[in-house]
Amino acid sequence: MPTTGPKDNEFFQLKTEVHGMSIFLDRLSNNIDKLTEVSSNLSQLTAVQVAKIQQTEKIINFVSETVDNNDKLIHQKVDKMEDEIYREIEKSRGMILQEVKELTAKIEKMNAKMEQMQRWIWIVTGGAMVVGALLSKGISIFFK
C-alpha cells in the first residue's frame, strides 16, 4: 500500500471539500429552481387576480351606471306622475267647484220658492183669520 503524504492528504481534503461544495451547489440550484417556479406561479396568480379585479371594476361601473340611469328614469316617471296627478286634482277641483255652484244656485231657487210659499201661507192664514173673524161676527149678528 502506498503511503500517503501530506500532499495526498491535502488533495483528499480538497476533494472532500469540492464534493461538499458540489452537493451544496446542487441543493442551491434546486432551491433556485423551486424559487423560480414559485415566482412564476405567483406571477400567474397575480395576473389572474389583476384580471379578476379589472372584471369586478367593470361590473361595478356597469352596475353603478345602470343604477344611476334607473334612478334618473324613476325620478322622471315620478315627476310625470306627480304632474298628471296634479292636473287630475285640478280638473276634479274645477268640476267640484262647478257642481257646488250649481247646487248653490238650486238651493237659492228653492229658498226663493219657499219664501213665496211662506208669503202665500201668511196671506192665506191672514185672510182666513179675517174671514173667520167676519164670519164669527156675522153669525153672532144672525143669532142675536
Protein backbone atom coordinates (compact mmCIF):
# COMPACT_ATOMS: atom_id res chain seq x y z
CA MET A 1 0.00 0.00 0.00
CA PRO A 2 1.38 3.24 -0.92
CA THR A 3 1.95 5.72 1.76
CA THR A 4 0.08 8.87 1.75
CA GLY A 5 1.88 12.03 2.22
CA PRO A 6 0.77 15.43 3.29
CA LYS A 7 0.04 16.36 -0.29
CA ASP A 8 -2.18 13.39 -0.72
CA ASN A 9 -3.89 14.31 2.46
CA GLU A 10 -4.41 17.83 1.26
CA PHE A 11 -5.64 16.52 -2.05
CA PHE A 12 -8.09 14.24 -0.30
CA GLN A 13 -9.27 17.11 1.88
CA LEU A 14 -9.69 19.35 -1.16
CA LYS A 15 -11.51 16.62 -2.96
CA THR A 16 -13.86 16.19 0.01
CA GLU A 17 -14.44 19.95 0.18
CA VAL A 18 -15.09 20.12 -3.57
CA HIS A 19 -17.53 17.24 -3.26
CA GLY A 20 -19.29 19.03 -0.33
CA MET A 21 -19.40 22.23 -2.35
CA SER A 22 -20.80 20.32 -5.31
CA ILE A 23 -23.60 18.92 -3.12
CA PHE A 24 -24.21 22.39 -1.69
CA LEU A 25 -24.33 23.91 -5.18
CA ASP A 26 -26.74 21.18 -6.37
CA ARG A 27 -29.02 21.89 -3.43
CA LEU A 28 -28.69 25.62 -4.04
CA SER A 29 -29.51 25.08 -7.71
CA ASN A 30 -32.59 23.01 -6.77
CA ASN A 31 -33.71 25.71 -4.35
CA ILE A 32 -33.21 28.38 -7.03
CA ASP A 33 -35.28 26.27 -9.46
CA LYS A 34 -38.03 25.87 -6.87
CA LEU A 35 -37.97 29.61 -6.08
CA THR A 36 -38.15 30.37 -9.80
CA GLU A 37 -41.16 28.04 -10.11
CA VAL A 38 -42.85 29.65 -7.08
CA SER A 39 -42.11 33.09 -8.50
CA SER A 40 -43.63 32.07 -11.83
CA ASN A 41 -46.71 30.66 -10.07
CA LEU A 42 -47.05 33.86 -8.05
CA SER A 43 -46.79 35.91 -11.21
CA GLN A 44 -49.53 33.83 -12.81
CA LEU A 45 -51.72 34.12 -9.70
CA THR A 46 -51.12 37.86 -9.60
CA ALA A 47 -52.07 38.18 -13.26
CA VAL A 48 -55.26 36.18 -12.66
CA GLN A 49 -56.14 38.32 -9.61
CA VAL A 50 -55.49 41.53 -11.55
CA ALA A 51 -57.78 40.28 -14.33
CA LYS A 52 -60.47 39.42 -11.78
CA ILE A 53 -60.14 42.84 -10.15
CA GLN A 54 -60.42 44.55 -13.53
CA GLN A 55 -63.50 42.48 -14.39
CA THR A 56 -65.02 43.32 -10.99
CA GLU A 57 -64.33 47.02 -11.59
CA LYS A 58 -66.07 46.78 -14.98
CA ILE A 59 -69.07 45.10 -13.36
CA ILE A 60 -69.17 47.71 -10.58
CA ASN A 61 -69.01 50.52 -13.14
CA PHE A 62 -71.78 48.91 -15.21
CA VAL A 63 -73.98 48.39 -12.16
CA SER A 64 -73.32 51.94 -10.99
CA GLU A 65 -74.25 53.38 -14.39
CA THR A 66 -77.35 51.18 -14.53
CA VAL A 67 -78.41 52.31 -11.06
CA ASP A 68 -77.82 55.95 -11.98
CA ASN A 69 -79.84 55.55 -15.20
CA ASN A 70 -82.63 53.74 -13.36
CA ASP A 71 -82.60 56.42 -10.68
CA LYS A 72 -82.99 59.11 -13.33
CA LEU A 73 -85.79 57.16 -15.03
CA ILE A 74 -87.58 56.66 -11.73
CA HIS A 75 -87.33 60.36 -10.92
CA GLN A 76 -88.64 61.25 -14.38
CA LYS A 77 -91.57 58.85 -14.02
CA VAL A 78 -92.36 60.12 -10.52
CA ASP A 79 -92.25 63.72 -11.75
CA LYS A 80 -94.50 62.84 -14.70
CA MET A 81 -96.96 61.01 -12.45
CA GLU A 82 -96.91 63.90 -10.00
CA ASP A 83 -97.75 66.32 -12.81
CA GLU A 84 -100.55 64.05 -14.04
CA ILE A 85 -101.98 63.68 -10.55
CA TYR A 86 -101.81 67.44 -10.03
CA ARG A 87 -103.65 68.01 -13.32
CA GLU A 88 -106.30 65.45 -12.37
CA ILE A 89 -106.72 67.08 -8.95
CA GLU A 90 -107.10 70.50 -10.55
CA LYS A 91 -109.60 69.10 -13.06
CA SER A 92 -111.58 67.41 -10.27
CA ARG A 93 -111.39 70.56 -8.19
CA GLY A 94 -112.85 72.57 -11.07
CA MET A 95 -115.64 70.04 -11.55
CA ILE A 96 -116.42 70.02 -7.83
CA LEU A 97 -116.49 73.82 -7.70
CA GLN A 98 -118.85 73.85 -10.70
CA GLU A 99 -121.17 71.35 -9.02
CA VAL A 100 -121.09 73.35 -5.76
CA LYS A 101 -122.06 76.47 -7.71
CA GLU A 102 -124.91 74.60 -9.40
CA LEU A 103 -126.13 73.22 -6.07
CA THR A 104 -125.88 76.68 -4.50
CA ALA A 105 -127.99 78.11 -7.33
CA LYS A 106 -130.59 75.35 -6.89
CA ILE A 107 -130.70 75.96 -3.13
CA GLU A 108 -131.15 79.69 -3.72
CA LYS A 109 -134.06 78.97 -6.12
CA MET A 110 -135.63 76.63 -3.56
CA ASN A 111 -135.23 79.28 -0.85
CA ALA A 112 -136.93 81.85 -3.09
CA LYS A 113 -139.82 79.43 -3.76
CA MET A 114 -140.10 78.68 -0.02
CA GLU A 115 -140.23 82.40 0.73
CA GLN A 116 -143.02 82.78 -1.84
CA MET A 117 -144.87 79.84 -0.30
CA GLN A 118 -144.43 81.31 3.16
CA ARG A 119 -145.83 84.64 1.94
CA TRP A 120 -148.84 82.85 0.46
CA ILE A 121 -149.29 80.82 3.65
CA TRP A 122 -149.25 84.04 5.71
CA ILE A 123 -151.60 85.74 3.28
CA VAL A 124 -153.98 82.77 3.27
CA THR A 125 -153.71 82.44 7.07
CA GLY A 126 -154.31 86.16 7.48
CA GLY A 127 -157.22 86.04 5.04
CA ALA A 128 -158.65 83.00 6.81
CA MET A 129 -158.41 84.83 10.12
CA VAL A 130 -160.17 87.84 8.66
CA VAL A 131 -162.86 85.65 7.11
CA GLY A 132 -163.16 83.72 10.38
CA ALA A 133 -163.48 86.92 12.37
CA LEU A 134 -166.08 88.29 9.94
CA LEU A 135 -167.99 85.06 9.96
CA SER A 136 -167.95 84.86 13.71
CA LYS A 137 -169.25 88.46 13.88
CA GLY A 138 -171.70 87.74 11.09
CA ILE A 139 -173.02 84.56 12.66
CA SER A 140 -173.29 86.18 16.04
CA ILE A 141 -175.34 89.03 14.43
CA PHE A 142 -177.63 86.43 12.87
CA PHE A 143 -178.12 84.59 16.13
CA LYS A 144 -178.94 87.65 18.23
